[in-house]
PDB file of all heavy atoms in Angstrom:
ATOM      1  N   ASN A   1     -51.654  -8.135  -3.615  1.00  0.00           N
ATOM      2  CA  ASN A   1     -50.779  -9.266  -3.940  1.00  0.00           C
ATOM      3  C   ASN A   1     -49.843  -8.835  -5.070  1.00  0.00           C
ATOM      4  O   ASN A   1     -50.291  -8.652  -6.199  1.00  0.00           O
ATOM      5  CB  ASN A   1     -51.631 -10.462  -4.360  1.00  0.00           C
ATOM      6  CG  ASN A   1     -50.791 -11.654  -4.782  1.00  0.00           C
ATOM      7  OD1 ASN A   1     -49.564 -11.610  -4.772  1.00  0.00           O
ATOM      8  ND2 ASN A   1     -51.460 -12.730  -5.179  1.00  0.00           N
ATOM      9  N   PRO A   2     -48.534  -8.671  -4.797  1.00  0.00           N
ATOM     10  CA  PRO A   2     -47.609  -8.168  -5.823  1.00  0.00           C
ATOM     11  C   PRO A   2     -47.464  -9.115  -7.013  1.00  0.00           C
ATOM     12  O   PRO A   2     -47.052  -8.691  -8.093  1.00  0.00           O
ATOM     13  CB  PRO A   2     -46.281  -8.013  -5.067  1.00  0.00           C
ATOM     14  CG  PRO A   2     -46.401  -8.896  -3.862  1.00  0.00           C
ATOM     15  CD  PRO A   2     -47.849  -8.948  -3.515  1.00  0.00           C
ATOM     16  N   ASP A   3     -47.805 -10.394  -6.813  1.00  0.00           N
ATOM     17  CA  ASP A   3     -47.668 -11.381  -7.891  1.00  0.00           C
ATOM     18  C   ASP A   3     -48.958 -11.590  -8.676  1.00  0.00           C
ATOM     19  O   ASP A   3     -49.010 -12.431  -9.578  1.00  0.00           O
ATOM     20  CB  ASP A   3     -47.224 -12.734  -7.307  1.00  0.00           C
ATOM     21  CG  ASP A   3     -45.892 -12.621  -6.575  1.00  0.00           C
ATOM     22  OD1 ASP A   3     -45.015 -11.882  -7.077  1.00  0.00           O
ATOM     23  OD2 ASP A   3     -45.754 -13.233  -5.503  1.00  0.00           O
ATOM     24  N   TRP A   4     -49.991 -10.836  -8.324  1.00  0.00           N
ATOM     25  CA  TRP A   4     -51.294 -11.060  -8.962  1.00  0.00           C
ATOM     26  C   TRP A   4     -51.256 -10.613 -10.423  1.00  0.00           C
ATOM     27  O   TRP A   4     -50.680  -9.584 -10.764  1.00  0.00           O
ATOM     28  CB  TRP A   4     -52.386 -10.292  -8.227  1.00  0.00           C
ATOM     29  CG  TRP A   4     -53.783 -10.713  -8.590  1.00  0.00           C
ATOM     30  CD1 TRP A   4     -54.503 -11.696  -8.011  1.00  0.00           C
ATOM     31  CD2 TRP A   4     -54.604 -10.155  -9.620  1.00  0.00           C
ATOM     32  NE1 TRP A   4     -55.746 -11.794  -8.611  1.00  0.00           N
ATOM     33  CE2 TRP A   4     -55.833 -10.860  -9.605  1.00  0.00           C
ATOM     34  CE3 TRP A   4     -54.430  -9.135 -10.552  1.00  0.00           C
ATOM     35  CZ2 TRP A   4     -56.877 -10.587 -10.482  1.00  0.00           C
ATOM     36  CZ3 TRP A   4     -55.461  -8.855 -11.438  1.00  0.00           C
ATOM     37  CH2 TRP A   4     -56.672  -9.583 -11.392  1.00  0.00           C
ATOM     38  N   SER A   5     -51.891 -11.398 -11.279  1.00  0.00           N
ATOM     39  CA  SER A   5     -51.937 -11.068 -12.703  1.00  0.00           C
ATOM     40  C   SER A   5     -53.334 -11.315 -13.241  1.00  0.00           C
ATOM     41  O   SER A   5     -53.958 -12.338 -12.946  1.00  0.00           O
ATOM     42  CB  SER A   5     -50.939 -11.940 -13.477  1.00  0.00           C
ATOM     43  OG  SER A   5     -51.216 -11.891 -14.862  1.00  0.00           O
ATOM     44  N   GLY A   6     -53.822 -10.382 -14.033  1.00  0.00           N
ATOM     45  CA  GLY A   6     -55.120 -10.526 -14.678  1.00  0.00           C
ATOM     46  C   GLY A   6     -55.133 -11.592 -15.757  1.00  0.00           C
ATOM     47  O   GLY A   6     -56.198 -12.005 -16.218  1.00  0.00           O
ATOM     48  N   LYS A   7     -53.954 -12.070 -16.144  1.00  0.00           N
ATOM     49  CA  LYS A   7     -53.881 -13.123 -17.173  1.00  0.00           C
ATOM     50  C   LYS A   7     -54.120 -14.508 -16.571  1.00  0.00           C
ATOM     51  O   LYS A   7     -54.586 -15.416 -17.251  1.00  0.00           O
ATOM     52  CB  LYS A   7     -52.514 -13.090 -17.866  1.00  0.00           C
ATOM     53  CG  LYS A   7     -52.331 -11.864 -18.758  1.00  0.00           C
ATOM     54  CD  LYS A   7     -50.966 -11.868 -19.415  1.00  0.00           C
ATOM     55  CE  LYS A   7     -50.811 -10.632 -20.304  1.00  0.00           C
ATOM     56  NZ  LYS A   7     -49.454 -10.564 -20.879  1.00  0.00           N
ATOM     57  N   ASN A   8     -53.745 -14.651 -15.310  1.00  0.00           N
ATOM     58  CA  ASN A   8     -53.938 -15.933 -14.626  1.00  0.00           C
ATOM     59  C   ASN A   8     -54.379 -15.608 -13.203  1.00  0.00           C
ATOM     60  O   ASN A   8     -53.630 -15.779 -12.246  1.00  0.00           O
ATOM     61  CB  ASN A   8     -52.643 -16.744 -14.644  1.00  0.00           C
ATOM     62  CG  ASN A   8     -52.831 -18.132 -14.064  1.00  0.00           C
ATOM     63  OD1 ASN A   8     -53.956 -18.634 -13.998  1.00  0.00           O
ATOM     64  ND2 ASN A   8     -51.741 -18.739 -13.625  1.00  0.00           N
ATOM     65  N   SER A   9     -55.593 -15.103 -13.088  1.00  0.00           N
ATOM     66  CA  SER A   9     -55.992 -14.428 -11.851  1.00  0.00           C
ATOM     67  C   SER A   9     -56.394 -15.390 -10.737  1.00  0.00           C
ATOM     68  O   SER A   9     -57.055 -16.399 -10.973  1.00  0.00           O
ATOM     69  CB  SER A   9     -57.146 -13.459 -12.139  1.00  0.00           C
ATOM     70  OG  SER A   9     -58.222 -14.136 -12.743  1.00  0.00           O
ATOM     71  N   ASP A  10     -55.990 -15.029  -9.527  1.00  0.00           N
ATOM     72  CA  ASP A  10     -56.370 -15.752  -8.315  1.00  0.00           C
ATOM     73  C   ASP A  10     -57.594 -15.056  -7.723  1.00  0.00           C
ATOM     74  O   ASP A  10     -57.505 -13.889  -7.346  1.00  0.00           O
ATOM     75  CB  ASP A  10     -55.205 -15.711  -7.326  1.00  0.00           C
ATOM     76  CG  ASP A  10     -55.606 -16.171  -5.935  1.00  0.00           C
ATOM     77  OD1 ASP A  10     -56.597 -16.928  -5.830  1.00  0.00           O
ATOM     78  OD2 ASP A  10     -54.942 -15.769  -4.959  1.00  0.00           O
ATOM     79  N   PRO A  11     -58.754 -15.735  -7.617  1.00  0.00           N
ATOM     80  CA  PRO A  11     -59.963 -15.081  -7.100  1.00  0.00           C
ATOM     81  C   PRO A  11     -59.854 -14.614  -5.649  1.00  0.00           C
ATOM     82  O   PRO A  11     -60.622 -13.767  -5.213  1.00  0.00           O
ATOM     83  CB  PRO A  11     -61.037 -16.176  -7.217  1.00  0.00           C
ATOM     84  CG  PRO A  11     -60.504 -17.184  -8.167  1.00  0.00           C
ATOM     85  CD  PRO A  11     -59.016 -17.124  -8.029  1.00  0.00           C
ATOM     86  N   ALA A  12     -58.889 -15.151  -4.893  1.00  0.00           N
ATOM     87  CA  ALA A  12     -58.826 -14.869  -3.455  1.00  0.00           C
ATOM     88  C   ALA A  12     -57.952 -13.678  -3.097  1.00  0.00           C
ATOM     89  O   ALA A  12     -57.861 -13.298  -1.932  1.00  0.00           O
ATOM     90  CB  ALA A  12     -58.319 -16.098  -2.712  1.00  0.00           C
ATOM     91  N   SER A  13     -57.290 -13.080  -4.096  1.00  0.00           N
ATOM     92  CA  SER A  13     -56.477 -11.896  -3.842  1.00  0.00           C
ATOM     93  C   SER A  13     -56.559 -10.987  -5.066  1.00  0.00           C
ATOM     94  O   SER A  13     -57.334 -11.245  -5.985  1.00  0.00           O
ATOM     95  CB  SER A  13     -55.029 -12.282  -3.533  1.00  0.00           C
ATOM     96  OG  SER A  13     -54.409 -12.871  -4.672  1.00  0.00           O
ATOM     97  N   SER A  14     -55.754  -9.930  -5.089  1.00  0.00           N
ATOM     98  CA  SER A  14     -55.885  -8.946  -6.159  1.00  0.00           C
ATOM     99  C   SER A  14     -54.684  -8.012  -6.158  1.00  0.00           C
ATOM    100  O   SER A  14     -53.886  -7.999  -5.226  1.00  0.00           O
ATOM    101  CB  SER A  14     -57.172  -8.133  -5.936  1.00  0.00           C
ATOM    102  OG  SER A  14     -57.298  -7.096  -6.874  1.00  0.00           O
ATOM    103  N   SER A  15     -54.612  -7.206  -7.201  1.00  0.00           N
ATOM    104  CA  SER A  15     -53.656  -6.098  -7.202  1.00  0.00           C
ATOM    105  C   SER A  15     -54.148  -4.996  -6.260  1.00  0.00           C
ATOM    106  O   SER A  15     -53.419  -4.061  -5.953  1.00  0.00           O
ATOM    107  CB  SER A  15     -53.501  -5.541  -8.624  1.00  0.00           C
ATOM    108  OG  SER A  15     -54.770  -5.206  -9.151  1.00  0.00           O
ATOM    109  N   ALA A  16     -55.390  -5.115  -5.799  1.00  0.00           N
ATOM    110  CA  ALA A  16     -55.974  -4.217  -4.792  1.00  0.00           C
ATOM    111  C   ALA A  16     -55.837  -4.856  -3.407  1.00  0.00           C
ATOM    112  O   ALA A  16     -55.580  -6.058  -3.301  1.00  0.00           O
ATOM    113  CB  ALA A  16     -57.449  -3.977  -5.116  1.00  0.00           C
ATOM    114  N   PRO A  17     -56.031  -4.085  -2.323  1.00  0.00           N
ATOM    115  CA  PRO A  17     -55.946  -4.657  -0.963  1.00  0.00           C
ATOM    116  C   PRO A  17     -57.218  -5.455  -0.636  1.00  0.00           C
ATOM    117  O   PRO A  17     -58.117  -4.989   0.075  1.00  0.00           O
ATOM    118  CB  PRO A  17     -55.799  -3.425  -0.061  1.00  0.00           C
ATOM    119  CG  PRO A  17     -56.447  -2.321  -0.834  1.00  0.00           C
ATOM    120  CD  PRO A  17     -56.218  -2.619  -2.283  1.00  0.00           C
ATOM    121  N   TYR A  18     -57.283  -6.664  -1.150  1.00  0.00           N
ATOM    122  CA  TYR A  18     -58.493  -7.491  -1.120  1.00  0.00           C
ATOM    123  C   TYR A  18     -58.107  -8.939  -0.863  1.00  0.00           C
ATOM    124  O   TYR A  18     -57.201  -9.463  -1.519  1.00  0.00           O
ATOM    125  CB  TYR A  18     -59.199  -7.372  -2.466  1.00  0.00           C
ATOM    126  CG  TYR A  18     -60.323  -8.349  -2.724  1.00  0.00           C
ATOM    127  CD1 TYR A  18     -61.613  -8.070  -2.302  1.00  0.00           C
ATOM    128  CD2 TYR A  18     -60.100  -9.535  -3.420  1.00  0.00           C
ATOM    129  CE1 TYR A  18     -62.657  -8.948  -2.566  1.00  0.00           C
ATOM    130  CE2 TYR A  18     -61.130 -10.427  -3.682  1.00  0.00           C
ATOM    131  CZ  TYR A  18     -62.413 -10.132  -3.250  1.00  0.00           C
ATOM    132  OH  TYR A  18     -63.432 -11.001  -3.520  1.00  0.00           O
ATOM    133  N   LYS A  19     -58.771  -9.593   0.102  1.00  0.00           N
ATOM    134  CA  LYS A  19     -58.469 -10.997   0.408  1.00  0.00           C
ATOM    135  C   LYS A  19     -59.742 -11.762   0.734  1.00  0.00           C
ATOM    136  O   LYS A  19     -60.723 -11.204   1.219  1.00  0.00           O
ATOM    137  CB  LYS A  19     -57.517 -11.103   1.608  1.00  0.00           C
ATOM    138  CG  LYS A  19     -56.107 -10.625   1.352  1.00  0.00           C
ATOM    139  CD  LYS A  19     -55.314 -11.530   0.425  1.00  0.00           C
ATOM    140  CE  LYS A  19     -54.892 -12.813   1.098  1.00  0.00           C
ATOM    141  NZ  LYS A  19     -54.028 -13.651   0.221  1.00  0.00           N
ATOM    142  N   LEU A  20     -59.674 -13.067   0.485  1.00  0.00           N
ATOM    143  CA  LEU A  20     -60.718 -14.005   0.896  1.00  0.00           C
ATOM    144  C   LEU A  20     -60.067 -15.174   1.638  1.00  0.00           C
ATOM    145  O   LEU A  20     -58.990 -15.634   1.243  1.00  0.00           O
ATOM    146  CB  LEU A  20     -61.477 -14.558  -0.317  1.00  0.00           C
ATOM    147  CG  LEU A  20     -62.325 -13.586  -1.135  1.00  0.00           C
ATOM    148  CD1 LEU A  20     -62.809 -14.263  -2.408  1.00  0.00           C
ATOM    149  CD2 LEU A  20     -63.505 -13.075  -0.309  1.00  0.00           C
ATOM    150  N   TYR A  21     -60.725 -15.635   2.703  1.00  0.00           N
ATOM    151  CA  TYR A  21     -60.252 -16.809   3.437  1.00  0.00           C
ATOM    152  C   TYR A  21     -61.426 -17.718   3.780  1.00  0.00           C
ATOM    153  O   TYR A  21     -62.536 -17.238   4.053  1.00  0.00           O
ATOM    154  CB  TYR A  21     -59.577 -16.413   4.756  1.00  0.00           C
ATOM    155  CG  TYR A  21     -58.312 -15.623   4.601  1.00  0.00           C
ATOM    156  CD1 TYR A  21     -58.320 -14.237   4.735  1.00  0.00           C
ATOM    157  CD2 TYR A  21     -57.093 -16.255   4.324  1.00  0.00           C
ATOM    158  CE1 TYR A  21     -57.150 -13.498   4.593  1.00  0.00           C
ATOM    159  CE2 TYR A  21     -55.924 -15.521   4.178  1.00  0.00           C
ATOM    160  CZ  TYR A  21     -55.955 -14.152   4.306  1.00  0.00           C
ATOM    161  OH  TYR A  21     -54.800 -13.416   4.161  1.00  0.00           O
ATOM    162  N   ASN A  22     -61.175 -19.012   3.776  1.00  0.00           N
ATOM    163  CA  ASN A  22     -62.075 -19.971   4.399  1.00  0.00           C
ATOM    164  C   ASN A  22     -61.751 -20.049   5.881  1.00  0.00           C
ATOM    165  O   ASN A  22     -60.577 -20.059   6.254  1.00  0.00           O
ATOM    166  CB  ASN A  22     -61.869 -21.378   3.817  1.00  0.00           C
ATOM    167  CG  ASN A  22     -62.381 -21.526   2.396  1.00  0.00           C
ATOM    168  OD1 ASN A  22     -63.312 -20.843   1.971  1.00  0.00           O
ATOM    169  ND2 ASN A  22     -61.769 -22.443   1.647  1.00  0.00           N
ATOM    170  N   ILE A  23     -62.791 -20.120   6.723  1.00  0.00           N
ATOM    171  CA  ILE A  23     -62.571 -20.522   8.125  1.00  0.00           C
ATOM    172  C   ILE A  23     -63.454 -21.741   8.373  1.00  0.00           C
ATOM    173  O   ILE A  23     -64.682 -21.637   8.487  1.00  0.00           O
ATOM    174  CB  ILE A  23     -62.893 -19.406   9.135  1.00  0.00           C
ATOM    175  CG1 ILE A  23     -62.104 -18.130   8.831  1.00  0.00           C
ATOM    176  CG2 ILE A  23     -62.553 -19.891  10.546  1.00  0.00           C
ATOM    177  CD1 ILE A  23     -62.216 -17.049   9.889  1.00  0.00           C
ATOM    178  N   GLY A  24     -62.824 -22.891   8.386  1.00  0.00           N
ATOM    179  CA  GLY A  24     -63.516 -24.162   8.604  1.00  0.00           C
ATOM    180  C   GLY A  24     -62.588 -25.130   9.304  1.00  0.00           C
ATOM    181  O   GLY A  24     -61.378 -24.887   9.396  1.00  0.00           O
ATOM    182  N   ASN A  25     -63.134 -26.217   9.780  1.00  0.00           N
ATOM    183  CA  ASN A  25     -62.334 -27.184  10.521  1.00  0.00           C
ATOM    184  C   ASN A  25     -61.407 -28.000   9.619  1.00  0.00           C
ATOM    185  O   ASN A  25     -60.454 -28.605  10.077  1.00  0.00           O
ATOM    186  CB  ASN A  25     -63.263 -28.128  11.305  1.00  0.00           C
ATOM    187  CG  ASN A  25     -62.730 -28.455  12.682  1.00  0.00           C
ATOM    188  OD1 ASN A  25     -62.292 -27.567  13.407  1.00  0.00           O
ATOM    189  ND2 ASN A  25     -62.734 -29.716  13.045  1.00  0.00           N
ATOM    190  N   GLY A  26     -61.722 -28.013   8.294  1.00  0.00           N
ATOM    191  CA  GLY A  26     -60.907 -28.792   7.363  1.00  0.00           C
ATOM    192  C   GLY A  26     -61.042 -30.284   7.595  1.00  0.00           C
ATOM    193  O   GLY A  26     -60.127 -31.051   7.314  1.00  0.00           O
ATOM    194  N   ASN A  27     -62.214 -30.692   8.113  1.00  0.00           N
ATOM    195  CA  ASN A  27     -62.410 -32.095   8.469  1.00  0.00           C
ATOM    196  C   ASN A  27     -63.906 -32.430   8.377  1.00  0.00           C
ATOM    197  O   ASN A  27     -64.611 -32.405   9.383  1.00  0.00           O
ATOM    198  CB  ASN A  27     -61.903 -32.339   9.900  1.00  0.00           C
ATOM    199  CG  ASN A  27     -62.039 -33.785  10.319  1.00  0.00           C
ATOM    200  OD1 ASN A  27     -61.990 -34.688   9.492  1.00  0.00           O
ATOM    201  ND2 ASN A  27     -62.225 -34.004  11.610  1.00  0.00           N
ATOM    202  N   PRO A  28     -64.407 -32.751   7.178  1.00  0.00           N
ATOM    203  CA  PRO A  28     -65.836 -32.999   7.026  1.00  0.00           C
ATOM    204  C   PRO A  28     -66.308 -34.182   7.867  1.00  0.00           C
ATOM    205  O   PRO A  28     -65.600 -35.186   7.986  1.00  0.00           O
ATOM    206  CB  PRO A  28     -66.007 -33.323   5.535  1.00  0.00           C
ATOM    207  CG  PRO A  28     -64.735 -32.959   4.888  1.00  0.00           C
ATOM    208  CD  PRO A  28     -63.672 -32.938   5.924  1.00  0.00           C
ATOM    209  N   VAL A  29     -67.480 -34.037   8.459  1.00  0.00           N
ATOM    210  CA  VAL A  29     -68.054 -35.060   9.328  1.00  0.00           C
ATOM    211  C   VAL A  29     -69.360 -35.549   8.707  1.00  0.00           C
ATOM    212  O   VAL A  29     -70.186 -34.748   8.268  1.00  0.00           O
ATOM    213  CB  VAL A  29     -68.325 -34.473  10.738  1.00  0.00           C
ATOM    214  CG1 VAL A  29     -69.076 -35.464  11.613  1.00  0.00           C
ATOM    215  CG2 VAL A  29     -67.015 -34.046  11.392  1.00  0.00           C
ATOM    216  N   HIS A  30     -69.534 -36.837   8.674  1.00  0.00           N
ATOM    217  CA  HIS A  30     -70.771 -37.411   8.170  1.00  0.00           C
ATOM    218  C   HIS A  30     -71.917 -36.991   9.094  1.00  0.00           C
ATOM    219  O   HIS A  30     -71.772 -37.006  10.316  1.00  0.00           O
ATOM    220  CB  HIS A  30     -70.651 -38.941   8.124  1.00  0.00           C
ATOM    221  CG  HIS A  30     -71.672 -39.592   7.249  1.00  0.00           C
ATOM    222  ND1 HIS A  30     -72.973 -39.769   7.632  1.00  0.00           N
ATOM    223  CD2 HIS A  30     -71.578 -40.095   5.984  1.00  0.00           C
ATOM    224  CE1 HIS A  30     -73.646 -40.365   6.653  1.00  0.00           C
ATOM    225  NE2 HIS A  30     -72.825 -40.572   5.642  1.00  0.00           N
ATOM    226  N   LEU A  31     -73.045 -36.608   8.510  1.00  0.00           N
ATOM    227  CA  LEU A  31     -74.176 -36.132   9.301  1.00  0.00           C
ATOM    228  C   LEU A  31     -74.590 -37.143  10.369  1.00  0.00           C
ATOM    229  O   LEU A  31     -74.910 -36.770  11.502  1.00  0.00           O
ATOM    230  CB  LEU A  31     -75.362 -35.814   8.383  1.00  0.00           C
ATOM    231  CG  LEU A  31     -76.623 -35.277   9.060  1.00  0.00           C
ATOM    232  CD1 LEU A  31     -76.331 -34.004   9.842  1.00  0.00           C
ATOM    233  CD2 LEU A  31     -77.719 -35.025   8.026  1.00  0.00           C
ATOM    234  N   MET A  32     -74.543 -38.422  10.029  1.00  0.00           N
ATOM    235  CA  MET A  32     -74.940 -39.453  11.003  1.00  0.00           C
ATOM    236  C   MET A  32     -73.968 -39.507  12.184  1.00  0.00           C
ATOM    237  O   MET A  32     -74.372 -39.784  13.321  1.00  0.00           O
ATOM    238  CB  MET A  32     -75.033 -40.825  10.326  1.00  0.00           C
ATOM    239  CG  MET A  32     -76.072 -40.890   9.212  1.00  0.00           C
ATOM    240  SD  MET A  32     -77.724 -40.362   9.724  1.00  0.00           S
ATOM    241  CE  MET A  32     -78.182 -41.685  10.828  1.00  0.00           C
ATOM    242  N   ASP A  33     -72.691 -39.203  11.945  1.00  0.00           N
ATOM    243  CA  ASP A  33     -71.712 -39.160  13.038  1.00  0.00           C
ATOM    244  C   ASP A  33     -71.941 -37.940  13.932  1.00  0.00           C
ATOM    245  O   ASP A  33     -71.726 -37.994  15.147  1.00  0.00           O
ATOM    246  CB  ASP A  33     -70.283 -39.150  12.480  1.00  0.00           C
ATOM    247  CG  ASP A  33     -69.909 -40.472  11.827  1.00  0.00           C
ATOM    248  OD1 ASP A  33     -70.503 -41.503  12.202  1.00  0.00           O
ATOM    249  OD2 ASP A  33     -69.043 -40.474  10.923  1.00  0.00           O
ATOM    250  N   PHE A  34     -72.374 -36.843  13.308  1.00  0.00           N
ATOM    251  CA  PHE A  34     -72.695 -35.625  14.066  1.00  0.00           C
ATOM    252  C   PHE A  34     -73.895 -35.893  14.980  1.00  0.00           C
ATOM    253  O   PHE A  34     -73.885 -35.521  16.168  1.00  0.00           O
ATOM    254  CB  PHE A  34     -73.001 -34.495  13.090  1.00  0.00           C
ATOM    255  CG  PHE A  34     -73.092 -33.129  13.725  1.00  0.00           C
ATOM    256  CD1 PHE A  34     -71.989 -32.545  14.316  1.00  0.00           C
ATOM    257  CD2 PHE A  34     -74.283 -32.418  13.704  1.00  0.00           C
ATOM    258  CE1 PHE A  34     -72.060 -31.270  14.882  1.00  0.00           C
ATOM    259  CE2 PHE A  34     -74.374 -31.144  14.261  1.00  0.00           C
ATOM    260  CZ  PHE A  34     -73.253 -30.577  14.854  1.00  0.00           C
ATOM    261  N   ILE A  35     -74.895 -36.573  14.433  1.00  0.00           N
ATOM    262  CA  ILE A  35     -76.069 -36.937  15.233  1.00  0.00           C
ATOM    263  C   ILE A  35     -75.661 -37.869  16.375  1.00  0.00           C
ATOM    264  O   ILE A  35     -76.115 -37.717  17.518  1.00  0.00           O
ATOM    265  CB  ILE A  35     -77.147 -37.586  14.341  1.00  0.00           C
ATOM    266  CG1 ILE A  35     -77.710 -36.544  13.363  1.00  0.00           C
ATOM    267  CG2 ILE A  35     -78.267 -38.196  15.184  1.00  0.00           C
ATOM    268  CD1 ILE A  35     -78.565 -37.123  12.247  1.00  0.00           C
ATOM    269  N   LYS A  36     -74.768 -38.804  16.081  1.00  0.00           N
ATOM    270  CA  LYS A  36     -74.290 -39.740  17.111  1.00  0.00           C
ATOM    271  C   LYS A  36     -73.588 -38.989  18.250  1.00  0.00           C
ATOM    272  O   LYS A  36     -73.754 -39.334  19.431  1.00  0.00           O
ATOM    273  CB  LYS A  36     -73.337 -40.755  16.484  1.00  0.00           C
ATOM    274  CG  LYS A  36     -72.989 -41.913  17.395  1.00  0.00           C
ATOM    275  CD  LYS A  36     -72.180 -42.972  16.665  1.00  0.00           C
ATOM    276  CE  LYS A  36     -71.861 -44.143  17.582  1.00  0.00           C
ATOM    277  NZ  LYS A  36     -71.037 -45.152  16.904  1.00  0.00           N
ATOM    278  N   ALA A  37     -72.814 -37.952  17.909  1.00  0.00           N
ATOM    279  CA  ALA A  37     -72.140 -37.154  18.943  1.00  0.00           C
ATOM    280  C   ALA A  37     -73.168 -36.471  19.842  1.00  0.00           C
ATOM    281  O   ALA A  37     -72.992 -36.397  21.064  1.00  0.00           O
ATOM    282  CB  ALA A  37     -71.220 -36.107  18.291  1.00  0.00           C
TER     283      ALA A  37
END
């Protein structure tokens, strides 16, 4: 990440070739609704 700085660091990227991503539906479901399905 060319904009990465150790003074205000982003945990998901780096000055190194390093990345983190979430893979989720982005839509939390109540457990009782999941059971109902």
